Amino acid sequence: MEMGLIANSSAILELHANECIWALAGVQQGLGACITSQIFNTANRFKALAALMKLRRVDEPLIDEINKIIADFRDPSEKRNRALHDPWVVNREGGTGRVEVTANHKLVFEVREIPIEELNRDRLEIENFTRRFLLFRNKIFAALPTLPPIPELRLQPIHFVDLAHERSQSSGEK
């Protein structure tokens, strides 16, 4: 049950991050979903969100807040990944646990017993982070009507030329 709640809370967090991206990009949900569905993980969604916030010239306190969210996301993200992606097995002594395999400067390769209380604490931490992000999402949506227009040069810095058309015009074809 705890793992299902962890998965659901994580999915809700991603949905709210997507929602902020779509709103700041000024695209309808379906168009935005075509783009954000290709962003592999929540951390990268947060990076895209931060970039859009800067482009849209969101007030500095909200920029600081997304940067703090990004910095604070590592621990809940790691707990989510361990709970959902590590296999759960019976160890040699007959206890249950999850197979933890990491090699972040040091190999960890073991069956780790996880008491239900620990899994519950991890779930609560992830749910609290999701609630925190929802409050942040509400601030983003409240700020949308007050955002200044984006200079056209920032939105369209590249002038694309139809090279085939240009060639045909220069050779006299019509």
N, C-alpha and C. Protein backbone atom coordinates (compact mmCIF):
# COMPACT_ATOMS: atom_id res chain seq x y z
N MET A 1 0.82 -1.19 0.00
CA MET A 1 0.00 0.00 0.00
C MET A 1 0.86 1.26 0.00
N GLU A 2 1.89 1.28 0.84
CA GLU A 2 2.76 2.47 0.92
C GLU A 2 3.39 2.79 -0.43
N MET A 3 3.83 1.75 -1.14
CA MET A 3 4.49 2.00 -2.43
C MET A 3 3.51 2.57 -3.44
N GLY A 4 2.26 2.13 -3.40
CA GLY A 4 1.25 2.70 -4.29
C GLY A 4 1.01 4.17 -3.97
N LEU A 5 0.98 4.51 -2.69
CA LEU A 5 0.80 5.91 -2.29
C LEU A 5 2.01 6.76 -2.68
N ILE A 6 3.21 6.19 -2.58
CA ILE A 6 4.42 6.90 -3.01
C ILE A 6 4.35 7.16 -4.51
N ALA A 7 3.96 6.16 -5.28
CA ALA A 7 3.86 6.31 -6.74
C ALA A 7 2.83 7.37 -7.09
N ASN A 8 1.69 7.35 -6.43
CA ASN A 8 0.63 8.31 -6.73
C ASN A 8 1.06 9.74 -6.38
N SER A 9 1.66 9.92 -5.23
CA SER A 9 2.11 11.25 -4.83
C SER A 9 3.16 11.78 -5.80
N SER A 10 4.05 10.91 -6.24
CA SER A 10 5.07 11.30 -7.21
C SER A 10 4.46 11.69 -8.55
N ALA A 11 3.44 10.95 -8.97
CA ALA A 11 2.75 11.26 -10.23
C ALA A 11 2.02 12.60 -10.13
N ILE A 12 1.43 12.87 -8.99
CA ILE A 12 0.75 14.16 -8.78
C ILE A 12 1.77 15.30 -8.83
N LEU A 13 2.93 15.10 -8.22
CA LEU A 13 3.99 16.11 -8.27
C LEU A 13 4.38 16.41 -9.72
N GLU A 14 4.59 15.36 -10.52
CA GLU A 14 4.94 15.55 -11.94
C GLU A 14 3.83 16.29 -12.68
N LEU A 15 2.59 15.94 -12.42
CA LEU A 15 1.48 16.60 -13.09
C LEU A 15 1.46 18.09 -12.78
N HIS A 16 1.68 18.45 -11.53
CA HIS A 16 1.69 19.88 -11.17
C HIS A 16 2.90 20.60 -11.79
N ALA A 17 4.03 19.93 -11.86
CA ALA A 17 5.19 20.53 -12.53
C ALA A 17 4.87 20.76 -14.01
N ASN A 18 4.26 19.76 -14.65
CA ASN A 18 3.86 19.90 -16.05
C ASN A 18 2.90 21.07 -16.22
N GLU A 19 1.93 21.14 -15.34
CA GLU A 19 0.93 22.19 -15.39
C GLU A 19 1.58 23.58 -15.35
N CYS A 20 2.58 23.76 -14.51
CA CYS A 20 3.30 25.04 -14.42
C CYS A 20 4.06 25.31 -15.72
N ILE A 21 4.69 24.29 -16.26
CA ILE A 21 5.43 24.44 -17.52
C ILE A 21 4.48 24.87 -18.63
N TRP A 22 3.35 24.20 -18.76
CA TRP A 22 2.39 24.53 -19.82
C TRP A 22 1.90 25.96 -19.68
N ALA A 23 1.56 26.35 -18.45
CA ALA A 23 1.03 27.69 -18.21
C ALA A 23 2.07 28.76 -18.52
N LEU A 24 3.29 28.57 -18.05
CA LEU A 24 4.35 29.56 -18.31
C LEU A 24 4.73 29.62 -19.79
N ALA A 25 4.61 28.48 -20.48
CA ALA A 25 4.91 28.45 -21.92
C ALA A 25 3.74 28.99 -22.74
N GLY A 26 2.59 29.13 -22.10
CA GLY A 26 1.43 29.65 -22.79
C GLY A 26 0.84 28.69 -23.80
N VAL A 27 0.91 27.39 -23.49
CA VAL A 27 0.36 26.39 -24.41
C VAL A 27 -0.78 25.64 -23.74
N GLN A 28 -1.69 25.15 -24.56
CA GLN A 28 -2.79 24.35 -24.04
C GLN A 28 -2.24 23.02 -23.52
N GLN A 29 -3.01 22.40 -22.65
CA GLN A 29 -2.56 21.18 -21.99
C GLN A 29 -2.13 20.10 -22.98
N GLY A 30 -2.90 19.86 -24.01
CA GLY A 30 -2.57 18.81 -24.98
C GLY A 30 -1.26 19.08 -25.70
N LEU A 31 -1.06 20.34 -26.10
CA LEU A 31 0.20 20.70 -26.77
C LEU A 31 1.37 20.55 -25.80
N GLY A 32 1.18 21.03 -24.58
CA GLY A 32 2.23 20.94 -23.58
C GLY A 32 2.55 19.50 -23.21
N ALA A 33 1.52 18.66 -23.16
CA ALA A 33 1.73 17.26 -22.80
C ALA A 33 2.60 16.55 -23.84
N CYS A 34 2.47 16.96 -25.11
CA CYS A 34 3.34 16.37 -26.15
C CYS A 34 4.80 16.65 -25.85
N ILE A 35 5.07 17.77 -25.23
CA ILE A 35 6.45 18.16 -24.92
C ILE A 35 6.90 17.57 -23.58
N THR A 36 6.11 17.82 -22.52
CA THR A 36 6.56 17.39 -21.19
C THR A 36 6.57 15.87 -21.04
N SER A 37 5.79 15.16 -21.85
CA SER A 37 5.84 13.69 -21.76
C SER A 37 7.20 13.16 -22.21
N GLN A 38 7.97 13.99 -22.89
CA GLN A 38 9.30 13.58 -23.35
C GLN A 38 10.39 13.96 -22.35
N ILE A 39 10.03 14.68 -21.29
CA ILE A 39 11.00 15.03 -20.25
C ILE A 39 11.03 13.85 -19.28
N PHE A 40 12.18 13.20 -19.19
CA PHE A 40 12.29 11.89 -18.54
C PHE A 40 11.97 11.89 -17.06
N ASN A 41 12.37 12.92 -16.32
CA ASN A 41 12.16 12.84 -14.87
C ASN A 41 11.75 14.18 -14.28
N THR A 42 11.34 14.16 -13.04
CA THR A 42 10.85 15.36 -12.37
C THR A 42 11.94 16.40 -12.21
N ALA A 43 13.16 15.98 -11.93
CA ALA A 43 14.25 16.95 -11.76
C ALA A 43 14.43 17.77 -13.04
N ASN A 44 14.35 17.13 -14.19
CA ASN A 44 14.47 17.87 -15.45
C ASN A 44 13.26 18.75 -15.70
N ARG A 45 12.09 18.34 -15.25
CA ARG A 45 10.91 19.21 -15.35
C ARG A 45 11.14 20.47 -14.52
N PHE A 46 11.71 20.31 -13.33
CA PHE A 46 11.99 21.47 -12.48
C PHE A 46 12.98 22.41 -13.16
N LYS A 47 13.98 21.86 -13.84
CA LYS A 47 14.95 22.70 -14.56
C LYS A 47 14.27 23.48 -15.68
N ALA A 48 13.40 22.80 -16.43
CA ALA A 48 12.65 23.48 -17.50
C ALA A 48 11.76 24.57 -16.90
N LEU A 49 11.13 24.27 -15.79
CA LEU A 49 10.28 25.24 -15.11
C LEU A 49 11.08 26.46 -14.68
N ALA A 50 12.24 26.24 -14.10
CA ALA A 50 13.10 27.36 -13.67
C ALA A 50 13.50 28.22 -14.87
N ALA A 51 13.85 27.59 -15.98
CA ALA A 51 14.23 28.35 -17.18
C ALA A 51 13.05 29.18 -17.69
N LEU A 52 11.86 28.59 -17.72
CA LEU A 52 10.68 29.34 -18.16
C LEU A 52 10.37 30.50 -17.21
N MET A 53 10.53 30.27 -15.93
CA MET A 53 10.29 31.33 -14.95
C MET A 53 11.23 32.50 -15.19
N LYS A 54 12.48 32.22 -15.48
CA LYS A 54 13.45 33.29 -15.75
C LYS A 54 13.11 34.00 -17.06
N LEU A 55 12.76 33.24 -18.09
CA LEU A 55 12.38 33.84 -19.37
C LEU A 55 11.15 34.73 -19.21
N ARG A 56 10.19 34.28 -18.41
CA ARG A 56 8.96 35.04 -18.21
C ARG A 56 9.14 36.17 -17.19
N ARG A 57 10.33 36.28 -16.62
CA ARG A 57 10.68 37.34 -15.66
C ARG A 57 9.78 37.32 -14.42
N VAL A 58 9.63 36.10 -13.89
CA VAL A 58 8.91 35.91 -12.63
C VAL A 58 9.71 36.60 -11.53
N ASP A 59 9.04 37.14 -10.52
CA ASP A 59 9.72 37.83 -9.43
C ASP A 59 10.77 36.94 -8.78
N GLU A 60 11.84 37.58 -8.35
CA GLU A 60 13.00 36.88 -7.78
C GLU A 60 12.67 35.95 -6.61
N PRO A 61 11.77 36.33 -5.69
CA PRO A 61 11.47 35.39 -4.59
C PRO A 61 10.95 34.03 -5.09
N LEU A 62 10.18 34.03 -6.18
CA LEU A 62 9.71 32.75 -6.72
C LEU A 62 10.83 31.99 -7.42
N ILE A 63 11.75 32.72 -8.04
CA ILE A 63 12.93 32.08 -8.64
C ILE A 63 13.75 31.41 -7.52
N ASP A 64 13.93 32.14 -6.43
CA ASP A 64 14.66 31.57 -5.28
C ASP A 64 13.94 30.33 -4.75
N GLU A 65 12.62 30.38 -4.74
CA GLU A 65 11.86 29.24 -4.22
C GLU A 65 11.99 28.01 -5.12
N ILE A 66 11.94 28.18 -6.44
CA ILE A 66 12.11 27.01 -7.31
C ILE A 66 13.52 26.45 -7.16
N ASN A 67 14.51 27.33 -7.00
CA ASN A 67 15.88 26.85 -6.79
C ASN A 67 15.99 26.05 -5.49
N LYS A 68 15.29 26.47 -4.46
CA LYS A 68 15.29 25.75 -3.18
C LYS A 68 14.56 24.41 -3.35
N ILE A 69 13.47 24.41 -4.09
CA ILE A 69 12.74 23.16 -4.36
C ILE A 69 13.65 22.18 -5.09
N ILE A 70 14.37 22.68 -6.09
CA ILE A 70 15.29 21.82 -6.85
C ILE A 70 16.35 21.23 -5.92
N ALA A 71 16.91 22.07 -5.06
CA ALA A 71 17.95 21.60 -4.13
C ALA A 71 17.40 20.58 -3.12
N ASP A 72 16.17 20.79 -2.68
CA ASP A 72 15.57 19.92 -1.67
C ASP A 72 14.97 18.64 -2.25
N PHE A 73 14.90 18.53 -3.57
CA PHE A 73 14.22 17.40 -4.20
C PHE A 73 15.03 16.12 -4.17
N ARG A 74 16.32 16.21 -4.03
CA ARG A 74 17.17 15.02 -4.14
C ARG A 74 16.78 13.90 -3.17
N ASP A 75 16.57 14.24 -1.90
CA ASP A 75 16.27 13.21 -0.91
C ASP A 75 14.91 12.53 -1.15
N PRO A 76 13.82 13.30 -1.33
CA PRO A 76 12.55 12.60 -1.61
C PRO A 76 12.60 11.81 -2.93
N SER A 77 13.33 12.33 -3.90
CA SER A 77 13.45 11.62 -5.18
C SER A 77 14.18 10.29 -5.01
N GLU A 78 15.24 10.32 -4.23
CA GLU A 78 16.00 9.08 -3.98
C GLU A 78 15.13 8.07 -3.24
N LYS A 79 14.38 8.52 -2.26
CA LYS A 79 13.50 7.61 -1.50
C LYS A 79 12.42 7.02 -2.40
N ARG A 80 11.86 7.84 -3.27
CA ARG A 80 10.87 7.36 -4.23
C ARG A 80 11.48 6.30 -5.13
N ASN A 81 12.65 6.60 -5.68
CA ASN A 81 13.29 5.66 -6.60
C ASN A 81 13.63 4.34 -5.92
N ARG A 82 14.13 4.40 -4.70
CA ARG A 82 14.45 3.17 -3.98
C ARG A 82 13.18 2.35 -3.75
N ALA A 83 12.10 3.02 -3.30
CA ALA A 83 10.87 2.29 -2.98
C ALA A 83 10.24 1.68 -4.23
N LEU A 84 10.30 2.37 -5.35
CA LEU A 84 9.57 1.93 -6.54
C LEU A 84 10.40 1.13 -7.53
N HIS A 85 11.70 1.32 -7.53
CA HIS A 85 12.51 0.68 -8.57
C HIS A 85 13.39 -0.46 -8.07
N ASP A 86 13.65 -0.51 -6.77
CA ASP A 86 14.42 -1.63 -6.24
C ASP A 86 13.48 -2.83 -6.08
N PRO A 87 13.94 -4.03 -6.46
CA PRO A 87 13.10 -5.20 -6.27
C PRO A 87 12.96 -5.54 -4.78
N TRP A 88 11.80 -6.01 -4.40
CA TRP A 88 11.53 -6.46 -3.04
C TRP A 88 11.59 -7.97 -3.03
N VAL A 89 12.38 -8.54 -2.11
CA VAL A 89 12.66 -9.98 -2.09
C VAL A 89 12.68 -10.52 -0.66
N VAL A 90 12.79 -11.83 -0.58
CA VAL A 90 13.04 -12.51 0.69
C VAL A 90 14.54 -12.77 0.75
N ASN A 91 15.18 -12.34 1.85
CA ASN A 91 16.63 -12.54 1.95
C ASN A 91 16.96 -13.95 2.44
N ARG A 92 18.24 -14.26 2.55
CA ARG A 92 18.69 -15.60 2.92
C ARG A 92 18.22 -16.03 4.31
N GLU A 93 18.00 -15.05 5.19
CA GLU A 93 17.55 -15.37 6.54
C GLU A 93 16.03 -15.46 6.63
N GLY A 94 15.33 -15.24 5.52
CA GLY A 94 13.87 -15.34 5.52
C GLY A 94 13.15 -14.03 5.73
N GLY A 95 13.89 -12.95 5.95
CA GLY A 95 13.24 -11.64 6.08
C GLY A 95 13.00 -11.01 4.72
N THR A 96 12.11 -10.06 4.69
CA THR A 96 11.85 -9.37 3.43
C THR A 96 12.57 -8.03 3.42
N GLY A 97 12.90 -7.60 2.24
CA GLY A 97 13.57 -6.32 2.08
C GLY A 97 13.70 -6.00 0.61
N ARG A 98 14.41 -4.94 0.35
CA ARG A 98 14.60 -4.56 -1.05
C ARG A 98 16.06 -4.69 -1.41
N VAL A 99 16.29 -5.08 -2.66
CA VAL A 99 17.65 -5.19 -3.17
C VAL A 99 18.10 -3.79 -3.53
N GLU A 100 19.10 -3.31 -2.83
CA GLU A 100 19.64 -1.98 -3.11
C GLU A 100 20.94 -2.15 -3.86
N VAL A 101 21.00 -1.55 -5.03
CA VAL A 101 22.21 -1.58 -5.86
C VAL A 101 22.50 -0.16 -6.27
N THR A 102 23.56 0.40 -5.69
CA THR A 102 24.04 1.73 -6.08
C THR A 102 25.56 1.68 -6.12
N ALA A 103 26.12 2.61 -6.83
CA ALA A 103 27.58 2.70 -6.88
C ALA A 103 27.98 4.16 -6.99
N ASN A 104 27.50 4.95 -6.07
CA ASN A 104 27.84 6.37 -6.02
C ASN A 104 29.11 6.54 -5.21
N HIS A 105 30.24 6.36 -5.85
CA HIS A 105 31.59 6.39 -5.26
C HIS A 105 31.90 5.16 -4.40
N LYS A 106 30.87 4.33 -4.14
CA LYS A 106 31.07 3.12 -3.33
C LYS A 106 29.93 2.16 -3.65
N LEU A 107 30.27 0.90 -3.84
CA LEU A 107 29.26 -0.09 -4.16
C LEU A 107 28.39 -0.41 -2.95
N VAL A 108 27.08 -0.37 -3.17
CA VAL A 108 26.11 -0.88 -2.21
C VAL A 108 25.33 -1.93 -2.98
N PHE A 109 25.41 -3.18 -2.53
CA PHE A 109 24.75 -4.30 -3.20
C PHE A 109 24.30 -5.26 -2.11
N GLU A 110 23.04 -5.07 -1.66
CA GLU A 110 22.58 -5.84 -0.51
C GLU A 110 21.06 -5.90 -0.49
N VAL A 111 20.56 -6.87 0.27
CA VAL A 111 19.14 -6.90 0.59
C VAL A 111 19.01 -6.13 1.89
N ARG A 112 18.26 -5.07 1.85
CA ARG A 112 18.11 -4.20 3.01
C ARG A 112 16.70 -4.33 3.57
N GLU A 113 16.60 -4.78 4.81
CA GLU A 113 15.28 -4.88 5.44
C GLU A 113 14.76 -3.47 5.71
N ILE A 114 13.52 -3.26 5.32
CA ILE A 114 12.89 -1.95 5.49
C ILE A 114 11.65 -2.12 6.36
N PRO A 115 11.71 -1.67 7.59
CA PRO A 115 10.51 -1.76 8.43
C PRO A 115 9.40 -0.89 7.83
N ILE A 116 8.17 -1.31 8.02
CA ILE A 116 7.03 -0.58 7.47
C ILE A 116 7.02 0.86 7.97
N GLU A 117 7.52 1.09 9.19
CA GLU A 117 7.56 2.45 9.74
C GLU A 117 8.47 3.35 8.91
N GLU A 118 9.58 2.80 8.43
CA GLU A 118 10.50 3.58 7.59
C GLU A 118 9.85 3.90 6.24
N LEU A 119 9.20 2.92 5.67
CA LEU A 119 8.52 3.14 4.39
C LEU A 119 7.40 4.17 4.56
N ASN A 120 6.72 4.13 5.69
CA ASN A 120 5.67 5.11 5.99
C ASN A 120 6.27 6.51 6.13
N ARG A 121 7.41 6.64 6.81
CA ARG A 121 8.08 7.94 6.94
C ARG A 121 8.48 8.48 5.57
N ASP A 122 9.02 7.59 4.72
CA ASP A 122 9.40 8.01 3.37
C ASP A 122 8.19 8.50 2.59
N ARG A 123 7.08 7.77 2.69
CA ARG A 123 5.84 8.17 2.01
C ARG A 123 5.39 9.54 2.48
N LEU A 124 5.41 9.77 3.79
CA LEU A 124 5.00 11.06 4.34
C LEU A 124 5.91 12.19 3.85
N GLU A 125 7.21 11.93 3.78
CA GLU A 125 8.14 12.94 3.29
C GLU A 125 7.83 13.30 1.83
N ILE A 126 7.56 12.30 1.03
CA ILE A 126 7.25 12.52 -0.39
C ILE A 126 5.91 13.26 -0.52
N GLU A 127 4.93 12.87 0.25
CA GLU A 127 3.63 13.56 0.22
C GLU A 127 3.77 15.01 0.67
N ASN A 128 4.57 15.26 1.70
CA ASN A 128 4.78 16.63 2.17
C ASN A 128 5.48 17.48 1.10
N PHE A 129 6.43 16.88 0.41
CA PHE A 129 7.12 17.60 -0.66
C PHE A 129 6.12 17.94 -1.78
N THR A 130 5.25 17.00 -2.11
CA THR A 130 4.23 17.23 -3.13
C THR A 130 3.29 18.36 -2.70
N ARG A 131 2.88 18.37 -1.44
CA ARG A 131 2.02 19.46 -0.93
C ARG A 131 2.76 20.80 -1.00
N ARG A 132 4.03 20.79 -0.66
CA ARG A 132 4.84 22.01 -0.74
C ARG A 132 4.87 22.52 -2.18
N PHE A 133 5.05 21.60 -3.13
CA PHE A 133 5.09 22.03 -4.53
C PHE A 133 3.72 22.55 -4.99
N LEU A 134 2.65 21.97 -4.49
CA LEU A 134 1.32 22.44 -4.86
C LEU A 134 1.12 23.89 -4.41
N LEU A 135 1.60 24.23 -3.22
CA LEU A 135 1.54 25.62 -2.76
C LEU A 135 2.36 26.53 -3.67
N PHE A 136 3.51 26.05 -4.10
CA PHE A 136 4.35 26.80 -5.03
C PHE A 136 3.63 26.96 -6.37
N ARG A 137 3.01 25.89 -6.86
CA ARG A 137 2.24 25.94 -8.11
C ARG A 137 1.18 27.03 -8.04
N ASN A 138 0.50 27.13 -6.89
CA ASN A 138 -0.53 28.15 -6.74
C ASN A 138 0.05 29.56 -6.84
N LYS A 139 1.26 29.76 -6.33
CA LYS A 139 1.93 31.06 -6.45
C LYS A 139 2.25 31.38 -7.91
N ILE A 140 2.69 30.37 -8.65
CA ILE A 140 2.99 30.56 -10.07
C ILE A 140 1.73 31.01 -10.80
N PHE A 141 0.63 30.29 -10.58
CA PHE A 141 -0.62 30.63 -11.26
C PHE A 141 -1.13 32.00 -10.85
N ALA A 142 -0.93 32.39 -9.60
CA ALA A 142 -1.34 33.72 -9.15
C ALA A 142 -0.49 34.81 -9.82
N ALA A 143 0.77 34.50 -10.11
CA ALA A 143 1.67 35.49 -10.72
C ALA A 143 1.46 35.64 -12.22
N LEU A 144 0.88 34.64 -12.88
CA LEU A 144 0.76 34.67 -14.35
C LEU A 144 0.17 35.97 -14.89
N PRO A 145 -0.95 36.47 -14.36
CA PRO A 145 -1.53 37.69 -14.95
C PRO A 145 -0.65 38.93 -14.78
N THR A 146 0.30 38.89 -13.86
CA THR A 146 1.13 40.07 -13.58
C THR A 146 2.46 40.06 -14.34
N LEU A 147 2.74 38.99 -15.07
CA LEU A 147 4.05 38.87 -15.73
C LEU A 147 4.14 39.83 -16.92
N PRO A 148 5.30 40.46 -17.08
CA PRO A 148 5.46 41.39 -18.21
C PRO A 148 5.56 40.63 -19.53
N PRO A 149 5.28 41.32 -20.63
CA PRO A 149 5.45 40.65 -21.93
C PRO A 149 6.92 40.31 -22.16
N ILE A 150 7.14 39.28 -22.92
CA ILE A 150 8.51 38.86 -23.24
C ILE A 150 8.91 39.57 -24.53
N PRO A 151 10.07 40.22 -24.55
CA PRO A 151 10.51 40.87 -25.79
C PRO A 151 10.59 39.85 -26.94
N GLU A 152 10.12 40.27 -28.12
CA GLU A 152 10.07 39.38 -29.28
C GLU A 152 11.44 38.78 -29.58
N LEU A 153 12.50 39.55 -29.41
CA LEU A 153 13.84 39.05 -29.70
C LEU A 153 14.23 37.89 -28.79
N ARG A 154 13.69 37.86 -27.56
CA ARG A 154 13.95 36.74 -26.65
C ARG A 154 13.16 35.50 -27.07
N LEU A 155 11.98 35.72 -27.65
CA LEU A 155 11.13 34.61 -28.07
C LEU A 155 11.53 34.06 -29.44
N GLN A 156 12.03 34.92 -30.31
CA GLN A 156 12.35 34.53 -31.69
C GLN A 156 13.73 35.07 -32.07
N PRO A 157 14.80 34.61 -31.42
CA PRO A 157 16.12 35.15 -31.73
C PRO A 157 16.69 34.65 -33.06
N ILE A 158 16.11 33.62 -33.63
CA ILE A 158 16.63 33.02 -34.85
C ILE A 158 15.68 33.33 -35.99
N HIS A 159 16.24 33.80 -37.09
CA HIS A 159 15.44 34.03 -38.30
C HIS A 159 15.71 32.87 -39.25
N PHE A 160 14.72 32.01 -39.39
CA PHE A 160 14.87 30.87 -40.28
C PHE A 160 14.56 31.29 -41.70
N VAL A 161 15.38 30.83 -42.62
CA VAL A 161 15.23 31.17 -44.02
C VAL A 161 14.87 29.91 -44.78
N ASP A 162 13.93 30.04 -45.69
CA ASP A 162 13.57 28.93 -46.56
C ASP A 162 14.60 28.89 -47.68
N LEU A 163 15.64 28.08 -47.48
CA LEU A 163 16.75 28.05 -48.43
C LEU A 163 16.33 27.58 -49.81
N ALA A 164 15.43 26.63 -49.90
CA ALA A 164 14.97 26.14 -51.20
C ALA A 164 14.27 27.26 -51.95
N HIS A 165 13.45 28.02 -51.26
CA HIS A 165 12.73 29.13 -51.89
C HIS A 165 13.72 30.22 -52.32
N GLU A 166 14.69 30.52 -51.46
CA GLU A 166 15.69 31.54 -51.79
C GLU A 166 16.49 31.15 -53.01
N ARG A 167 16.89 29.88 -53.12
CA ARG A 167 17.66 29.42 -54.28
C ARG A 167 16.85 29.55 -55.56
N SER A 168 15.57 29.15 -55.49
CA SER A 168 14.76 29.23 -56.69
C SER A 168 14.53 30.68 -57.11
N GLN A 169 14.44 31.60 -56.15
CA GLN A 169 14.26 33.01 -56.47
C GLN A 169 15.52 33.59 -57.10
N SER A 170 16.69 33.20 -56.58
CA SER A 170 17.95 33.74 -57.11
C SER A 170 18.28 33.17 -58.48
N SER A 171 17.77 32.00 -58.83
CA SER A 171 18.05 31.43 -60.15
C SER A 171 16.98 31.83 -61.16
N GLY A 172 16.03 32.65 -60.77
CA GLY A 172 15.03 33.13 -61.68
C GLY A 172 13.81 32.25 -61.80
N GLU A 173 13.73 31.17 -61.06
CA GLU A 173 12.55 30.30 -61.12
C GLU A 173 11.41 30.94 -60.37
N LYS A 174 10.22 30.65 -60.82
CA LYS A 174 9.05 31.16 -60.10
C LYS A 174 8.04 30.08 -59.90
